[in-house]
């Protein structure tokens, strides 16, 4: 299938939103930022070129002022808190988790409070008090305590579950983690995004695109460039900053 044919379903879906006088909404979360790297530079250049706000999930225990200096040149970037050290505490026979039930609850919450303090202290107004759990997993029993240590939002993957704070989930991951570990098939990704938009048209969640700049292959970069180009050409489309989505969700009383 030619590239134009691959993207045609998205072009048609965005045209449907435009005809309805509505804006199809997207937002971008990129995980595992720590330091300035050529891959991060590429992500920031690409998102900057298309005026796409990007939320970087930063690993607190592994980051310092070097990332601050780089992001001072990227006003379209926001930072969230990616756990504490992105360290697995689950046994080998279980899925990886840093924020699971494998350690005392107080120890996990202390790590998260320290991570929020560290990232906010470094980045100031660029930081949002949103927790992005490593591997998109968190013990459900911890969620009700996140507000007490300063978090106002949570972002994992998949349909949001009711919680005591705003839940802004990613729902379209471009990486094929269980196969090639490179970019997923572009046609399948377009289908997944269109399906998410169709749900959103009837009151569902915006498209939350999830990327991991440090492990992108050329296919992943090409997909992002083409997605940004298609959406830039569509009047019925908007890429939203994370603060807009958090504010909206908080306004709903979630």
Protein backbone atom coordinates (compact mmCIF):
# COMPACT_ATOMS: atom_id res chain seq x y z
CA UNK A 1 0.00 0.00 0.00
CA UNK A 2 1.34 3.42 -0.91
CA UNK A 3 1.96 5.99 1.86
CA UNK A 4 -0.95 8.13 0.65
CA UNK A 5 -3.32 5.16 0.77
CA UNK A 6 -2.13 4.31 4.29
CA UNK A 7 -2.94 7.78 5.57
CA UNK A 8 -6.20 8.29 3.65
CA UNK A 9 -8.44 6.91 6.44
CA UNK A 10 -7.07 9.53 8.84
CA UNK A 11 -7.45 12.30 6.27
CA UNK A 12 -11.09 11.29 5.80
CA UNK A 13 -11.78 11.05 9.54
CA UNK A 14 -10.32 14.51 10.18
CA UNK A 15 -12.45 15.87 7.33
CA UNK A 16 -15.51 14.43 9.08
CA UNK A 17 -14.63 16.37 12.23
CA UNK A 18 -14.17 19.52 10.19
CA UNK A 19 -17.55 19.11 8.48
CA UNK A 20 -19.12 18.79 11.92
CA UNK A 21 -17.47 22.01 13.03
CA UNK A 22 -15.40 20.14 15.62
CA UNK A 23 -11.71 19.69 16.42
CA UNK A 24 -10.19 16.21 16.67
CA UNK A 25 -7.88 16.39 19.68
CA UNK A 26 -4.44 14.86 20.08
CA UNK A 27 -1.74 15.06 22.72
CA UNK A 28 1.78 13.65 22.87
CA UNK A 29 3.58 11.94 25.75
CA UNK A 30 7.16 10.74 25.36
CA UNK A 31 8.66 8.54 28.08
CA UNK A 32 12.09 8.03 29.69
CA UNK A 33 13.76 11.41 29.17
CA UNK A 34 16.86 11.88 31.34
CA UNK A 35 19.59 13.80 29.52
CA UNK A 36 20.02 15.73 26.28
CA UNK A 37 20.68 13.20 23.49
CA UNK A 38 20.63 13.28 19.69
CA UNK A 39 17.28 11.42 19.85
CA UNK A 40 15.79 14.01 22.18
CA UNK A 41 17.09 16.78 19.93
CA UNK A 42 15.37 15.10 16.99
CA UNK A 43 12.09 14.83 18.88
CA UNK A 44 12.20 18.45 19.98
CA UNK A 45 13.07 19.68 16.50
CA UNK A 46 10.27 17.66 14.91
CA UNK A 47 7.61 18.66 17.42
CA UNK A 48 8.81 22.26 17.32
CA UNK A 49 8.60 22.36 13.52
CA UNK A 50 4.93 21.32 13.63
CA UNK A 51 4.07 23.24 16.82
CA UNK A 52 3.13 20.02 18.65
CA UNK A 53 3.26 20.37 22.46
CA UNK A 54 5.14 17.44 23.99
CA UNK A 55 5.00 16.11 27.55
CA UNK A 56 8.28 14.44 28.51
CA UNK A 57 8.02 11.84 31.28
CA UNK A 58 11.34 12.45 33.06
CA UNK A 59 13.00 9.89 35.37
CA UNK A 60 13.77 11.94 38.50
CA UNK A 61 16.63 9.90 39.99
CA UNK A 62 18.63 10.03 36.76
CA UNK A 63 18.23 13.62 35.60
CA UNK A 64 19.87 16.96 36.42
CA UNK A 65 20.49 20.49 35.16
CA UNK A 66 21.70 19.32 31.74
CA UNK A 67 18.14 18.52 30.70
CA UNK A 68 16.97 21.84 32.13
CA UNK A 69 19.39 23.76 29.93
CA UNK A 70 18.27 21.86 26.82
CA UNK A 71 14.57 22.35 27.49
CA UNK A 72 15.07 26.06 28.09
CA UNK A 73 15.40 26.13 24.29
CA UNK A 74 12.16 24.14 23.78
CA UNK A 75 9.22 26.18 25.10
CA UNK A 76 6.75 23.66 23.65
CA UNK A 77 7.99 20.93 26.03
CA UNK A 78 6.50 20.16 29.45
CA UNK A 79 7.88 17.66 31.95
CA UNK A 80 6.02 15.10 34.07
CA UNK A 81 7.33 12.72 36.73
CA UNK A 82 8.21 9.21 35.54
CA UNK A 83 8.23 7.32 38.83
CA UNK A 84 11.50 7.67 40.71
CA UNK A 85 14.31 5.57 39.19
CA UNK A 86 12.44 3.42 36.64
CA UNK A 87 13.61 0.39 38.62
CA UNK A 88 11.71 -2.89 38.68
CA UNK A 89 10.79 -4.25 42.12
CA UNK A 90 8.56 -7.11 40.98
CA UNK A 91 9.70 -10.75 40.97
CA UNK A 92 10.96 -12.21 37.69
CA UNK A 93 7.72 -14.11 37.10
CA UNK A 94 5.62 -10.92 37.22
CA UNK A 95 5.29 -7.91 34.96
CA UNK A 96 7.75 -5.15 35.72
CA UNK A 97 6.64 -2.56 38.25
CA UNK A 98 8.32 0.17 40.23
CA UNK A 99 5.10 1.31 41.90
CA UNK A 100 3.60 -2.06 42.76
CA UNK A 101 2.78 -3.78 46.07
CA UNK A 102 6.29 -5.23 46.39
CA UNK A 103 7.61 -2.59 48.81
CA UNK A 104 6.11 -0.81 51.82
CA UNK A 105 3.51 1.72 50.74
CA UNK A 106 5.31 4.51 52.60
CA UNK A 107 8.56 3.81 50.76
CA UNK A 108 6.88 4.03 47.37
CA UNK A 109 5.08 7.27 48.26
CA UNK A 110 8.30 8.74 49.65
CA UNK A 111 10.05 7.98 46.35
CA UNK A 112 7.25 9.65 44.41
CA UNK A 113 7.21 12.73 46.64
CA UNK A 114 10.98 12.99 46.25
CA UNK A 115 10.66 12.64 42.47
CA UNK A 116 8.03 15.35 42.26
CA UNK A 117 10.13 17.67 44.41
CA UNK A 118 13.30 17.02 42.41
CA UNK A 119 11.77 17.54 38.97
CA UNK A 120 9.78 20.59 40.06
CA UNK A 121 12.84 22.07 41.71
CA UNK A 122 14.82 21.64 38.49
CA UNK A 123 12.21 22.69 35.95
CA UNK A 124 9.95 25.11 37.81
CA UNK A 125 6.93 26.16 35.78
CA UNK A 126 7.83 23.68 33.01
CA UNK A 127 6.94 20.80 35.35
CA UNK A 128 3.39 19.54 35.80
CA UNK A 129 2.50 17.48 38.89
CA UNK A 130 1.46 14.49 36.78
CA UNK A 131 2.69 11.00 37.58
CA UNK A 132 3.58 8.70 34.69
CA UNK A 133 4.25 5.27 36.26
CA UNK A 134 7.12 3.31 34.70
CA UNK A 135 5.78 0.55 32.46
CA UNK A 136 2.35 2.24 32.82
CA UNK A 137 1.67 0.23 35.99
CA UNK A 138 0.77 1.36 39.49
CA UNK A 139 -0.78 -0.44 42.44
CA UNK A 140 -4.41 0.68 42.46
CA UNK A 141 -4.21 1.16 46.22
CA UNK A 142 -1.66 3.95 45.82
CA UNK A 143 -3.73 6.13 43.51
CA UNK A 144 -5.90 7.64 46.26
CA UNK A 145 -2.75 8.84 48.07
CA UNK A 146 -1.19 10.68 45.11
CA UNK A 147 -3.05 13.90 45.84
CA UNK A 148 -1.74 14.00 49.41
CA UNK A 149 1.87 14.14 48.17
CA UNK A 150 1.22 16.83 45.57
CA UNK A 151 0.14 15.13 42.36
CA UNK A 152 -2.89 16.47 40.50
CA UNK A 153 -2.88 14.03 37.57
CA UNK A 154 -2.00 10.46 36.58
CA UNK A 155 -1.17 9.11 33.13
CA UNK A 156 -0.94 5.41 32.28
CA UNK A 157 -2.06 3.57 29.14
CA UNK A 158 -5.53 2.57 28.01
CA UNK A 159 -9.06 3.63 28.94
CA UNK A 160 -9.09 5.86 32.05
CA UNK A 161 -10.52 4.54 35.31
CA UNK A 162 -12.28 6.83 37.80
CA UNK A 163 -9.84 8.25 40.34
CA UNK A 164 -9.47 10.99 42.94
CA UNK A 165 -7.31 13.03 40.55
CA UNK A 166 -7.28 13.80 36.84
CA UNK A 167 -6.49 10.76 34.67
CA UNK A 168 -5.03 11.61 31.25
CA UNK A 169 -4.05 8.34 29.57
CA UNK A 170 -2.13 7.55 26.45
CA UNK A 171 -4.00 5.22 24.10
CA UNK A 172 -1.91 4.93 20.90
CA UNK A 173 1.61 3.53 21.34
CA UNK A 174 3.71 3.68 18.18
CA UNK A 175 6.17 0.99 19.29
CA UNK A 176 5.84 -2.76 18.64
CA UNK A 177 7.10 -3.88 22.05
CA UNK A 178 6.13 -7.54 21.65
CA UNK A 179 7.39 -7.97 18.10
CA UNK A 180 10.13 -6.07 16.30
CA UNK A 181 10.61 -3.57 19.17
CA UNK A 182 10.69 -0.95 16.44
CA UNK A 183 7.81 1.09 15.09
CA UNK A 184 4.53 -0.74 14.58
CA UNK A 185 3.14 -1.08 11.07
CA UNK A 186 2.10 2.38 9.88
CA UNK A 187 -1.19 1.18 8.46
CA UNK A 188 -2.17 -0.51 11.73
CA UNK A 189 -1.24 2.62 13.67
CA UNK A 190 -3.38 4.79 11.42
CA UNK A 191 -6.29 2.38 11.92
CA UNK A 192 -5.83 2.54 15.70
CA UNK A 193 -5.77 6.34 15.68
CA UNK A 194 -8.87 6.52 13.49
CA UNK A 195 -10.67 4.09 15.82
CA UNK A 196 -9.76 6.27 18.81
CA UNK A 197 -11.03 9.36 16.99
CA UNK A 198 -14.29 7.62 16.19
CA UNK A 199 -14.75 6.87 19.89
CA UNK A 200 -13.86 10.47 20.75
CA UNK A 201 -16.45 11.75 18.28
CA UNK A 202 -19.10 10.09 20.43
CA UNK A 203 -17.68 11.43 23.68
CA UNK A 204 -14.54 9.34 24.20
CA UNK A 205 -11.01 10.43 25.06
CA UNK A 206 -8.64 12.39 22.78
CA UNK A 207 -5.86 10.54 20.95
CA UNK A 208 -3.00 10.22 23.44
CA UNK A 209 0.06 9.34 21.37
CA UNK A 210 2.84 7.54 23.27
CA UNK A 211 6.45 7.61 22.06
CA UNK A 212 9.87 6.64 23.42
CA UNK A 213 12.48 8.77 21.66
CA UNK A 214 15.47 6.79 22.93
CA UNK A 215 14.44 3.61 21.11
CA UNK A 216 12.90 4.98 17.92
CA UNK A 217 14.00 3.44 14.64
CA UNK A 218 13.78 5.36 11.37
CA UNK A 219 10.28 4.01 10.78
CA UNK A 220 9.12 5.59 14.05
CA UNK A 221 10.54 8.99 13.12
CA UNK A 222 8.97 8.75 9.68
CA UNK A 223 5.60 7.88 11.17
CA UNK A 224 5.70 10.88 13.50
CA UNK A 225 6.71 13.23 10.71
CA UNK A 226 3.87 12.03 8.47
CA UNK A 227 1.32 12.13 11.30
CA UNK A 228 2.30 15.69 12.18
CA UNK A 229 2.15 16.70 8.52
CA UNK A 230 -1.31 15.18 7.99
CA UNK A 231 -2.72 16.80 11.12
CA UNK A 232 -1.11 20.15 10.30
CA UNK A 233 -2.98 20.20 7.00
CA UNK A 234 -6.34 19.46 8.65
CA UNK A 235 -8.41 22.34 9.98
CA UNK A 236 -10.46 19.96 12.11
CA UNK A 237 -7.54 19.02 14.33
CA UNK A 238 -5.66 20.32 17.39
CA UNK A 239 -2.64 19.14 19.41
CA UNK A 240 -3.28 20.12 23.02
CA UNK A 241 -0.85 20.91 25.84
CA UNK A 242 -1.15 18.62 28.83
CA UNK A 243 -2.23 21.47 31.14
CA UNK A 244 -5.34 22.00 29.02
CA UNK A 245 -6.35 18.35 29.42
CA UNK A 246 -5.60 18.30 33.17
CA UNK A 247 -7.62 21.46 33.70
CA UNK A 248 -10.52 20.07 31.74
CA UNK A 249 -10.46 16.76 33.60
CA UNK A 250 -10.27 18.50 36.98
CA UNK A 251 -13.23 20.60 35.94
CA UNK A 252 -15.26 17.43 35.48
CA UNK A 253 -14.61 16.53 39.08
CA UNK A 254 -12.56 13.43 38.34
